Amino acid sequence: MSIPNLITLARILLVPVVVWAITSDAMLFAFVLFVVAGLSDAIDGFLAKRFGMATELGAYLDPLADKVLVVSIYISLGIVEAIPRWLVILVVSRDLLIVGGIILSWLVGNPVVVKPLLVSKLNTVAQIFFAGLVLANLGFGWNAGIAVTLTAAIVAVLTLLSVGFYVREWVRHMNGGTVHE
């Protein structure tokens, strides 16, 4: 077990604490934990690349940790009604659709290798920025209403675009085509 993988596992173990903080209305604490999780993601990535500590397990664990954190934060913020329920459903459904497509492709004997598309990378950045903005807004008692609304709209558009591109690529693959980045 490499140091970057241990850091990633720690980030996964941090998720229930972040969920507890959000649902206990300890938003400043949740924001601090969110920042710690982000820093840990940067540190484990740096260590893995800079010092040759990258592993196959880490290649799976790191994006899993990111998705578990983001999805958990969105669900928690939705439960406490800090973000719109429709946005939570959209973000979570996108991830479930992608995972479901991957599983289905494996079950039918035509496994798809998913490489993140540019729109997906932009979507992830927007989702993380939005979660951090909402947590900071609540934790520090800011009034960032217009920024929150605008960022929510950007997340929604990018999530829908990401779904469309992934579905298109998945259908191409399942019909014998190749998946393009």
N, C-alpha and C. Protein backbone atom coordinates (compact mmCIF):
# COMPACT_ATOMS: atom_id res chain seq x y z
N MET A 1 0.86 -1.18 0.00
CA MET A 1 0.00 0.00 0.00
C MET A 1 0.90 1.23 0.00
N SER A 2 0.78 2.04 -1.04
CA SER A 2 1.61 3.23 -1.16
C SER A 2 1.04 4.38 -0.32
N ILE A 3 1.88 5.38 -0.07
CA ILE A 3 1.45 6.56 0.69
C ILE A 3 0.29 7.27 0.00
N PRO A 4 0.35 7.50 -1.34
CA PRO A 4 -0.80 8.14 -1.99
C PRO A 4 -2.10 7.34 -1.82
N ASN A 5 -2.01 6.01 -1.87
CA ASN A 5 -3.21 5.19 -1.67
C ASN A 5 -3.75 5.32 -0.25
N LEU A 6 -2.85 5.41 0.72
CA LEU A 6 -3.30 5.60 2.11
C LEU A 6 -3.98 6.95 2.28
N ILE A 7 -3.45 7.97 1.62
CA ILE A 7 -4.07 9.30 1.67
C ILE A 7 -5.45 9.25 1.03
N THR A 8 -5.57 8.54 -0.09
CA THR A 8 -6.86 8.40 -0.77
C THR A 8 -7.85 7.66 0.11
N LEU A 9 -7.40 6.60 0.77
CA LEU A 9 -8.29 5.86 1.69
C LEU A 9 -8.74 6.75 2.85
N ALA A 10 -7.83 7.58 3.34
CA ALA A 10 -8.20 8.52 4.41
C ALA A 10 -9.27 9.49 3.92
N ARG A 11 -9.17 9.91 2.65
CA ARG A 11 -10.18 10.80 2.08
C ARG A 11 -11.53 10.11 2.02
N ILE A 12 -11.54 8.84 1.67
CA ILE A 12 -12.79 8.08 1.63
C ILE A 12 -13.37 7.97 3.04
N LEU A 13 -12.51 7.72 4.04
CA LEU A 13 -12.97 7.61 5.42
C LEU A 13 -13.44 8.95 5.99
N LEU A 14 -13.03 10.05 5.36
CA LEU A 14 -13.45 11.38 5.78
C LEU A 14 -14.90 11.68 5.36
N VAL A 15 -15.39 10.97 4.36
CA VAL A 15 -16.72 11.24 3.81
C VAL A 15 -17.82 11.17 4.87
N PRO A 16 -17.90 10.14 5.69
CA PRO A 16 -18.97 10.13 6.70
C PRO A 16 -18.90 11.31 7.67
N VAL A 17 -17.70 11.79 7.95
CA VAL A 17 -17.55 12.93 8.85
C VAL A 17 -18.08 14.19 8.18
N VAL A 18 -17.80 14.35 6.88
CA VAL A 18 -18.33 15.50 6.13
C VAL A 18 -19.86 15.43 6.09
N VAL A 19 -20.40 14.26 5.83
CA VAL A 19 -21.86 14.09 5.81
C VAL A 19 -22.45 14.44 7.18
N TRP A 20 -21.82 13.95 8.24
CA TRP A 20 -22.29 14.28 9.59
C TRP A 20 -22.26 15.79 9.82
N ALA A 21 -21.17 16.44 9.43
CA ALA A 21 -21.04 17.89 9.63
C ALA A 21 -22.14 18.65 8.90
N ILE A 22 -22.40 18.27 7.66
CA ILE A 22 -23.44 18.95 6.89
C ILE A 22 -24.81 18.74 7.52
N THR A 23 -25.12 17.51 7.85
CA THR A 23 -26.45 17.20 8.39
C THR A 23 -26.61 17.67 9.83
N SER A 24 -25.51 18.03 10.49
CA SER A 24 -25.57 18.57 11.85
C SER A 24 -25.50 20.10 11.84
N ASP A 25 -25.53 20.68 10.65
CA ASP A 25 -25.49 22.14 10.47
C ASP A 25 -24.17 22.73 10.97
N ALA A 26 -23.10 21.94 10.86
CA ALA A 26 -21.76 22.44 11.19
C ALA A 26 -21.06 22.75 9.86
N MET A 27 -21.59 23.75 9.16
CA MET A 27 -21.17 24.02 7.79
C MET A 27 -19.73 24.53 7.70
N LEU A 28 -19.28 25.30 8.66
CA LEU A 28 -17.89 25.75 8.61
C LEU A 28 -16.95 24.56 8.76
N PHE A 29 -17.28 23.65 9.67
CA PHE A 29 -16.49 22.43 9.84
C PHE A 29 -16.54 21.60 8.56
N ALA A 30 -17.72 21.49 7.95
CA ALA A 30 -17.86 20.75 6.69
C ALA A 30 -17.00 21.38 5.60
N PHE A 31 -16.98 22.72 5.55
CA PHE A 31 -16.16 23.42 4.56
C PHE A 31 -14.67 23.13 4.79
N VAL A 32 -14.24 23.18 6.04
CA VAL A 32 -12.83 22.89 6.36
C VAL A 32 -12.47 21.46 5.95
N LEU A 33 -13.34 20.51 6.25
CA LEU A 33 -13.10 19.12 5.85
C LEU A 33 -13.06 18.98 4.32
N PHE A 34 -13.92 19.73 3.63
CA PHE A 34 -13.94 19.73 2.18
C PHE A 34 -12.60 20.23 1.62
N VAL A 35 -12.08 21.29 2.22
CA VAL A 35 -10.78 21.83 1.80
C VAL A 35 -9.67 20.82 2.09
N VAL A 36 -9.72 20.18 3.26
CA VAL A 36 -8.74 19.15 3.61
C VAL A 36 -8.79 18.01 2.58
N ALA A 37 -10.00 17.60 2.22
CA ALA A 37 -10.14 16.53 1.22
C ALA A 37 -9.53 16.96 -0.11
N GLY A 38 -9.78 18.21 -0.50
CA GLY A 38 -9.21 18.72 -1.75
C GLY A 38 -7.69 18.75 -1.71
N LEU A 39 -7.15 19.20 -0.59
CA LEU A 39 -5.69 19.23 -0.44
C LEU A 39 -5.11 17.82 -0.46
N SER A 40 -5.79 16.88 0.19
CA SER A 40 -5.30 15.51 0.20
C SER A 40 -5.30 14.92 -1.20
N ASP A 41 -6.29 15.30 -2.01
CA ASP A 41 -6.35 14.84 -3.40
C ASP A 41 -5.15 15.38 -4.18
N ALA A 42 -4.83 16.65 -3.97
CA ALA A 42 -3.68 17.24 -4.65
C ALA A 42 -2.37 16.60 -4.18
N ILE A 43 -2.26 16.36 -2.88
CA ILE A 43 -1.03 15.78 -2.32
C ILE A 43 -0.83 14.36 -2.82
N ASP A 44 -1.89 13.52 -2.78
CA ASP A 44 -1.69 12.14 -3.22
C ASP A 44 -1.36 12.08 -4.72
N GLY A 45 -1.96 12.98 -5.50
CA GLY A 45 -1.65 13.02 -6.92
C GLY A 45 -0.21 13.46 -7.17
N PHE A 46 0.23 14.47 -6.43
CA PHE A 46 1.61 14.95 -6.55
C PHE A 46 2.60 13.84 -6.19
N LEU A 47 2.37 13.19 -5.06
CA LEU A 47 3.28 12.13 -4.61
C LEU A 47 3.33 10.98 -5.62
N ALA A 48 2.15 10.60 -6.11
CA ALA A 48 2.09 9.48 -7.05
C ALA A 48 2.88 9.78 -8.33
N LYS A 49 2.72 11.00 -8.84
CA LYS A 49 3.40 11.35 -10.09
C LYS A 49 4.86 11.71 -9.89
N ARG A 50 5.13 12.53 -8.91
CA ARG A 50 6.49 13.06 -8.71
C ARG A 50 7.48 12.00 -8.25
N PHE A 51 7.00 11.10 -7.41
CA PHE A 51 7.92 10.11 -6.83
C PHE A 51 7.66 8.69 -7.34
N GLY A 52 6.94 8.57 -8.44
CA GLY A 52 6.72 7.26 -9.04
C GLY A 52 5.95 6.30 -8.14
N MET A 53 5.02 6.81 -7.36
CA MET A 53 4.25 5.97 -6.44
C MET A 53 2.88 5.60 -7.00
N ALA A 54 2.66 5.88 -8.28
CA ALA A 54 1.36 5.55 -8.88
C ALA A 54 1.18 4.04 -8.93
N THR A 55 -0.03 3.59 -8.62
CA THR A 55 -0.34 2.17 -8.66
C THR A 55 -1.66 1.98 -9.41
N GLU A 56 -1.89 0.74 -9.84
CA GLU A 56 -3.16 0.43 -10.50
C GLU A 56 -4.32 0.64 -9.53
N LEU A 57 -4.12 0.23 -8.27
CA LEU A 57 -5.16 0.44 -7.26
C LEU A 57 -5.47 1.92 -7.11
N GLY A 58 -4.44 2.75 -7.07
CA GLY A 58 -4.63 4.19 -6.94
C GLY A 58 -5.39 4.78 -8.12
N ALA A 59 -5.15 4.23 -9.31
CA ALA A 59 -5.85 4.71 -10.51
C ALA A 59 -7.36 4.48 -10.39
N TYR A 60 -7.76 3.48 -9.62
CA TYR A 60 -9.19 3.22 -9.39
C TYR A 60 -9.69 3.95 -8.14
N LEU A 61 -8.86 3.93 -7.09
CA LEU A 61 -9.29 4.51 -5.81
C LEU A 61 -9.47 6.02 -5.88
N ASP A 62 -8.57 6.73 -6.54
CA ASP A 62 -8.62 8.19 -6.53
C ASP A 62 -9.91 8.74 -7.13
N PRO A 63 -10.31 8.32 -8.35
CA PRO A 63 -11.57 8.84 -8.86
C PRO A 63 -12.77 8.35 -8.06
N LEU A 64 -12.67 7.14 -7.48
CA LEU A 64 -13.75 6.64 -6.62
C LEU A 64 -13.90 7.54 -5.39
N ALA A 65 -12.77 7.90 -4.78
CA ALA A 65 -12.81 8.78 -3.61
C ALA A 65 -13.43 10.13 -3.96
N ASP A 66 -13.06 10.66 -5.12
CA ASP A 66 -13.61 11.94 -5.55
C ASP A 66 -15.12 11.85 -5.74
N LYS A 67 -15.57 10.80 -6.41
CA LYS A 67 -17.01 10.65 -6.68
C LYS A 67 -17.79 10.40 -5.39
N VAL A 68 -17.26 9.56 -4.51
CA VAL A 68 -17.94 9.30 -3.24
C VAL A 68 -18.09 10.60 -2.45
N LEU A 69 -17.05 11.41 -2.43
CA LEU A 69 -17.09 12.67 -1.71
C LEU A 69 -18.11 13.63 -2.34
N VAL A 70 -18.03 13.83 -3.64
CA VAL A 70 -18.92 14.77 -4.31
C VAL A 70 -20.38 14.33 -4.20
N VAL A 71 -20.65 13.07 -4.50
CA VAL A 71 -22.03 12.57 -4.43
C VAL A 71 -22.57 12.67 -3.00
N SER A 72 -21.76 12.31 -2.03
CA SER A 72 -22.20 12.39 -0.63
C SER A 72 -22.49 13.82 -0.21
N ILE A 73 -21.65 14.75 -0.64
CA ILE A 73 -21.87 16.15 -0.30
C ILE A 73 -23.15 16.66 -0.96
N TYR A 74 -23.35 16.33 -2.22
CA TYR A 74 -24.56 16.78 -2.91
C TYR A 74 -25.81 16.21 -2.25
N ILE A 75 -25.79 14.93 -1.93
CA ILE A 75 -26.95 14.32 -1.28
C ILE A 75 -27.19 14.98 0.07
N SER A 76 -26.14 15.18 0.84
CA SER A 76 -26.27 15.80 2.17
C SER A 76 -26.79 17.23 2.06
N LEU A 77 -26.24 18.00 1.13
CA LEU A 77 -26.71 19.37 0.95
C LEU A 77 -28.16 19.39 0.46
N GLY A 78 -28.54 18.40 -0.31
CA GLY A 78 -29.93 18.29 -0.75
C GLY A 78 -30.86 17.95 0.41
N ILE A 79 -30.42 17.07 1.29
CA ILE A 79 -31.23 16.67 2.44
C ILE A 79 -31.51 17.87 3.34
N VAL A 80 -30.49 18.71 3.54
CA VAL A 80 -30.69 19.88 4.41
C VAL A 80 -31.24 21.08 3.63
N GLU A 81 -31.59 20.82 2.39
CA GLU A 81 -32.21 21.82 1.51
C GLU A 81 -31.34 23.05 1.27
N ALA A 82 -30.02 22.81 1.21
CA ALA A 82 -29.08 23.88 0.91
C ALA A 82 -28.88 24.04 -0.59
N ILE A 83 -29.19 23.00 -1.34
CA ILE A 83 -29.16 23.07 -2.80
C ILE A 83 -30.45 22.44 -3.33
N PRO A 84 -30.84 22.80 -4.54
CA PRO A 84 -32.09 22.28 -5.08
C PRO A 84 -32.07 20.76 -5.27
N ARG A 85 -33.18 20.15 -4.93
CA ARG A 85 -33.30 18.69 -5.05
C ARG A 85 -33.08 18.23 -6.50
N TRP A 86 -33.57 19.00 -7.48
CA TRP A 86 -33.42 18.62 -8.88
C TRP A 86 -31.94 18.53 -9.28
N LEU A 87 -31.12 19.40 -8.70
CA LEU A 87 -29.70 19.38 -9.03
C LEU A 87 -29.02 18.14 -8.43
N VAL A 88 -29.42 17.79 -7.23
CA VAL A 88 -28.90 16.57 -6.59
C VAL A 88 -29.25 15.36 -7.46
N ILE A 89 -30.49 15.28 -7.87
CA ILE A 89 -30.95 14.16 -8.69
C ILE A 89 -30.17 14.10 -10.00
N LEU A 90 -29.96 15.25 -10.62
CA LEU A 90 -29.23 15.31 -11.88
C LEU A 90 -27.79 14.84 -11.72
N VAL A 91 -27.10 15.35 -10.73
CA VAL A 91 -25.69 14.99 -10.51
C VAL A 91 -25.54 13.51 -10.16
N VAL A 92 -26.37 13.02 -9.24
CA VAL A 92 -26.27 11.62 -8.82
C VAL A 92 -26.69 10.69 -9.96
N SER A 93 -27.74 11.05 -10.67
CA SER A 93 -28.21 10.21 -11.78
C SER A 93 -27.16 10.08 -12.88
N ARG A 94 -26.44 11.15 -13.15
CA ARG A 94 -25.38 11.10 -14.15
C ARG A 94 -24.34 10.04 -13.78
N ASP A 95 -23.91 10.08 -12.52
CA ASP A 95 -22.90 9.11 -12.10
C ASP A 95 -23.44 7.69 -12.12
N LEU A 96 -24.68 7.51 -11.70
CA LEU A 96 -25.29 6.18 -11.74
C LEU A 96 -25.44 5.68 -13.18
N LEU A 97 -25.78 6.58 -14.09
CA LEU A 97 -25.91 6.21 -15.50
C LEU A 97 -24.57 5.75 -16.06
N ILE A 98 -23.51 6.46 -15.74
CA ILE A 98 -22.19 6.08 -16.24
C ILE A 98 -21.77 4.73 -15.67
N VAL A 99 -21.91 4.56 -14.36
CA VAL A 99 -21.54 3.28 -13.73
C VAL A 99 -22.41 2.15 -14.29
N GLY A 100 -23.71 2.41 -14.44
CA GLY A 100 -24.61 1.39 -15.00
C GLY A 100 -24.21 1.00 -16.40
N GLY A 101 -23.82 1.97 -17.23
CA GLY A 101 -23.39 1.67 -18.59
C GLY A 101 -22.13 0.83 -18.62
N ILE A 102 -21.20 1.14 -17.72
CA ILE A 102 -19.96 0.36 -17.64
C ILE A 102 -20.27 -1.08 -17.23
N ILE A 103 -21.11 -1.24 -16.22
CA ILE A 103 -21.47 -2.58 -15.75
C ILE A 103 -22.19 -3.36 -16.85
N LEU A 104 -23.15 -2.71 -17.51
CA LEU A 104 -23.89 -3.38 -18.58
C LEU A 104 -22.96 -3.81 -19.71
N SER A 105 -22.01 -2.96 -20.07
CA SER A 105 -21.08 -3.33 -21.14
C SER A 105 -20.24 -4.55 -20.74
N TRP A 106 -19.88 -4.65 -19.48
CA TRP A 106 -19.14 -5.83 -19.00
C TRP A 106 -20.03 -7.06 -19.02
N LEU A 107 -21.28 -6.92 -18.60
CA LEU A 107 -22.20 -8.06 -18.55
C LEU A 107 -22.48 -8.66 -19.92
N VAL A 108 -22.52 -7.82 -20.94
CA VAL A 108 -22.80 -8.33 -22.29
C VAL A 108 -21.52 -8.69 -23.04
N GLY A 109 -20.38 -8.64 -22.34
CA GLY A 109 -19.12 -9.07 -22.93
C GLY A 109 -18.48 -8.06 -23.88
N ASN A 110 -18.84 -6.80 -23.73
CA ASN A 110 -18.26 -5.76 -24.57
C ASN A 110 -17.80 -4.60 -23.68
N PRO A 111 -16.82 -4.89 -22.79
CA PRO A 111 -16.44 -3.88 -21.80
C PRO A 111 -15.94 -2.58 -22.44
N VAL A 112 -16.43 -1.49 -21.91
CA VAL A 112 -16.05 -0.18 -22.38
C VAL A 112 -14.99 0.39 -21.44
N VAL A 113 -13.97 0.98 -22.02
CA VAL A 113 -12.96 1.67 -21.23
C VAL A 113 -13.33 3.15 -21.28
N VAL A 114 -13.67 3.69 -20.14
CA VAL A 114 -14.11 5.08 -20.09
C VAL A 114 -12.92 5.97 -19.80
N LYS A 115 -12.70 6.90 -20.70
CA LYS A 115 -11.69 7.93 -20.47
C LYS A 115 -12.45 9.23 -20.29
N PRO A 116 -12.10 10.00 -19.28
CA PRO A 116 -12.84 11.24 -19.04
C PRO A 116 -12.80 12.17 -20.25
N LEU A 117 -13.97 12.65 -20.64
CA LEU A 117 -14.08 13.61 -21.71
C LEU A 117 -13.80 15.00 -21.16
N LEU A 118 -13.44 15.93 -22.03
CA LEU A 118 -13.18 17.30 -21.59
C LEU A 118 -14.39 17.89 -20.87
N VAL A 119 -15.58 17.67 -21.41
CA VAL A 119 -16.78 18.21 -20.77
C VAL A 119 -16.98 17.59 -19.38
N SER A 120 -16.58 16.35 -19.23
CA SER A 120 -16.69 15.68 -17.94
C SER A 120 -15.71 16.27 -16.93
N LYS A 121 -14.51 16.59 -17.40
CA LYS A 121 -13.53 17.21 -16.51
C LYS A 121 -14.01 18.59 -16.08
N LEU A 122 -14.55 19.35 -17.02
CA LEU A 122 -15.11 20.66 -16.68
C LEU A 122 -16.28 20.52 -15.72
N ASN A 123 -17.09 19.50 -15.94
CA ASN A 123 -18.24 19.24 -15.07
C ASN A 123 -17.77 18.95 -13.64
N THR A 124 -16.75 18.12 -13.52
CA THR A 124 -16.24 17.79 -12.19
C THR A 124 -15.72 19.04 -11.48
N VAL A 125 -14.97 19.86 -12.20
CA VAL A 125 -14.47 21.10 -11.61
C VAL A 125 -15.64 21.99 -11.16
N ALA A 126 -16.65 22.11 -12.00
CA ALA A 126 -17.82 22.94 -11.65
C ALA A 126 -18.56 22.37 -10.44
N GLN A 127 -18.72 21.04 -10.40
CA GLN A 127 -19.41 20.41 -9.27
C GLN A 127 -18.66 20.65 -7.97
N ILE A 128 -17.35 20.50 -8.00
CA ILE A 128 -16.54 20.71 -6.80
C ILE A 128 -16.56 22.18 -6.39
N PHE A 129 -16.42 23.07 -7.36
CA PHE A 129 -16.47 24.51 -7.05
C PHE A 129 -17.82 24.87 -6.43
N PHE A 130 -18.90 24.35 -7.01
CA PHE A 130 -20.24 24.65 -6.50
C PHE A 130 -20.40 24.14 -5.06
N ALA A 131 -19.97 22.90 -4.79
CA ALA A 131 -20.07 22.36 -3.44
C ALA A 131 -19.28 23.22 -2.45
N GLY A 132 -18.07 23.59 -2.84
CA GLY A 132 -17.26 24.44 -1.97
C GLY A 132 -17.88 25.80 -1.76
N LEU A 133 -18.44 26.38 -2.81
CA LEU A 133 -19.10 27.68 -2.71
C LEU A 133 -20.29 27.63 -1.76
N VAL A 134 -21.10 26.59 -1.90
CA VAL A 134 -22.28 26.45 -1.02
C VAL A 134 -21.83 26.26 0.42
N LEU A 135 -20.84 25.39 0.65
CA LEU A 135 -20.36 25.17 2.01
C LEU A 135 -19.75 26.43 2.61
N ALA A 136 -18.97 27.16 1.81
CA ALA A 136 -18.38 28.42 2.29
C ALA A 136 -19.47 29.45 2.56
N ASN A 137 -20.43 29.53 1.67
CA ASN A 137 -21.54 30.46 1.83
C ASN A 137 -22.27 30.21 3.15
N LEU A 138 -22.54 28.96 3.42
CA LEU A 138 -23.25 28.59 4.66
C LEU A 138 -22.34 28.69 5.88
N GLY A 139 -21.10 28.24 5.73
CA GLY A 139 -20.17 28.21 6.86
C GLY A 139 -19.75 29.59 7.34
N PHE A 140 -19.58 30.51 6.39
CA PHE A 140 -19.14 31.85 6.75
C PHE A 140 -20.29 32.85 6.81
N GLY A 141 -21.50 32.38 6.51
CA GLY A 141 -22.67 33.26 6.56
C GLY A 141 -22.66 34.31 5.47
N TRP A 142 -22.07 33.99 4.33
CA TRP A 142 -22.04 34.93 3.22
C TRP A 142 -23.41 35.02 2.57
N ASN A 143 -23.56 36.00 1.71
CA ASN A 143 -24.75 36.11 0.89
C ASN A 143 -24.31 36.06 -0.57
N ALA A 144 -23.99 34.87 -1.03
CA ALA A 144 -23.49 34.68 -2.39
C ALA A 144 -24.58 34.13 -3.29
N GLY A 145 -25.80 34.60 -3.07
CA GLY A 145 -26.97 34.07 -3.78
C GLY A 145 -26.82 34.00 -5.28
N ILE A 146 -26.43 35.10 -5.92
CA ILE A 146 -26.33 35.11 -7.38
C ILE A 146 -25.21 34.20 -7.87
N ALA A 147 -24.09 34.16 -7.15
CA ALA A 147 -22.98 33.28 -7.53
C ALA A 147 -23.39 31.82 -7.39
N VAL A 148 -24.13 31.52 -6.32
CA VAL A 148 -24.60 30.14 -6.11
C VAL A 148 -25.57 29.76 -7.23
N THR A 149 -26.49 30.64 -7.55
CA THR A 149 -27.48 30.36 -8.60
C THR A 149 -26.80 30.18 -9.96
N LEU A 150 -25.89 31.06 -10.29
CA LEU A 150 -25.18 30.97 -11.57
C LEU A 150 -24.34 29.69 -11.65
N THR A 151 -23.66 29.37 -10.58
CA THR A 151 -22.83 28.16 -10.57
C THR A 151 -23.70 26.90 -10.65
N ALA A 152 -24.84 26.91 -10.00
CA ALA A 152 -25.77 25.77 -10.09
C ALA A 152 -26.22 25.57 -11.54
N ALA A 153 -26.49 26.67 -12.23
CA ALA A 153 -26.89 26.58 -13.63
C ALA A 153 -25.76 26.01 -14.49
N ILE A 154 -24.54 26.43 -14.23
CA ILE A 154 -23.38 25.92 -14.97
C ILE A 154 -23.22 24.42 -14.71
N VAL A 155 -23.35 24.01 -13.46
CA VAL A 155 -23.26 22.59 -13.12
C VAL A 155 -24.34 21.80 -13.86
N ALA A 156 -25.55 22.32 -13.88
CA ALA A 156 -26.65 21.62 -14.56
C ALA A 156 -26.36 21.45 -16.05
N VAL A 157 -25.94 22.53 -16.70
CA VAL A 157 -25.66 22.47 -18.14
C VAL A 157 -24.51 21.50 -18.43
N LEU A 158 -23.43 21.61 -17.68
CA LEU A 158 -22.29 20.72 -17.91
C LEU A 158 -22.63 19.26 -17.60
N THR A 159 -23.45 19.03 -16.59
CA THR A 159 -23.88 17.66 -16.26
C THR A 159 -24.70 17.07 -17.40
N LEU A 160 -25.63 17.85 -17.93
CA LEU A 160 -26.44 17.38 -19.06
C LEU A 160 -25.58 17.12 -20.30
N LEU A 161 -24.66 18.04 -20.58
CA LEU A 161 -23.76 17.82 -21.72
C LEU A 161 -22.91 16.57 -21.54
N SER A 162 -22.41 16.38 -20.32
CA SER A 162 -21.59 15.21 -20.02
C SER A 162 -22.39 13.93 -20.24
N VAL A 163 -23.62 13.91 -19.76
CA VAL A 163 -24.48 12.74 -19.96
C VAL A 163 -24.64 12.47 -21.45
N GLY A 164 -24.95 13.50 -22.20
CA GLY A 164 -25.14 13.34 -23.64
C GLY A 164 -23.92 12.78 -24.34
N PHE A 165 -22.75 13.31 -24.03
CA PHE A 165 -21.52 12.82 -24.66
C PHE A 165 -21.20 11.39 -24.25
N TYR A 166 -21.38 11.07 -22.97
CA TYR A 166 -21.11 9.70 -22.53
C TYR A 166 -22.08 8.70 -23.15
N VAL A 167 -23.34 9.05 -23.21
CA VAL A 167 -24.33 8.15 -23.84
C VAL A 167 -23.97 7.94 -25.30
N ARG A 168 -23.62 9.02 -26.00
CA ARG A 168 -23.23 8.91 -27.41
C ARG A 168 -22.04 7.97 -27.57
N GLU A 169 -21.03 8.15 -26.75
CA GLU A 169 -19.83 7.31 -26.85
C GLU A 169 -20.13 5.86 -26.47
N TRP A 170 -20.98 5.68 -25.49
CA TRP A 170 -21.33 4.32 -25.06
C TRP A 170 -22.09 3.60 -26.18
N VAL A 171 -23.04 4.28 -26.80
CA VAL A 171 -23.80 3.68 -27.89
C VAL A 171 -22.87 3.35 -29.05
N ARG A 172 -21.96 4.24 -29.39
CA ARG A 172 -20.98 3.96 -30.45
C ARG A 172 -20.18 2.71 -30.13
N HIS A 173 -19.70 2.63 -28.90
CA HIS A 173 -18.90 1.47 -28.49
C HIS A 173 -19.72 0.19 -28.58
N MET A 174 -20.92 0.23 -28.05
CA MET A 174 -21.76 -0.98 -28.04
C MET A 174 -22.16 -1.41 -29.45
N ASN A 175 -22.13 -0.46 -30.40
CA ASN A 175 -22.45 -0.78 -31.80
C ASN A 175 -21.20 -1.10 -32.60
N GLY A 176 -20.06 -1.28 -31.92
CA GLY A 176 -18.84 -1.69 -32.61
C GLY A 176 -17.90 -0.55 -32.93
N GLY A 177 -18.27 0.66 -32.58
CA GLY A 177 -17.39 1.80 -32.82
C GLY A 177 -16.36 1.90 -31.72
N THR A 178 -15.62 2.95 -31.72
CA THR A 178 -14.62 3.16 -30.67
C THR A 178 -15.03 4.37 -29.83
N VAL A 179 -14.51 4.39 -28.64
CA VAL A 179 -14.77 5.51 -27.75
C VAL A 179 -13.72 6.56 -28.00
N HIS A 180 -14.15 7.78 -28.27
CA HIS A 180 -13.23 8.88 -28.55
C HIS A 180 -13.19 9.83 -27.37
N GLU A 181 -12.04 10.44 -27.21
CA GLU A 181 -11.89 11.43 -26.13
C GLU A 181 -12.30 12.79 -26.60
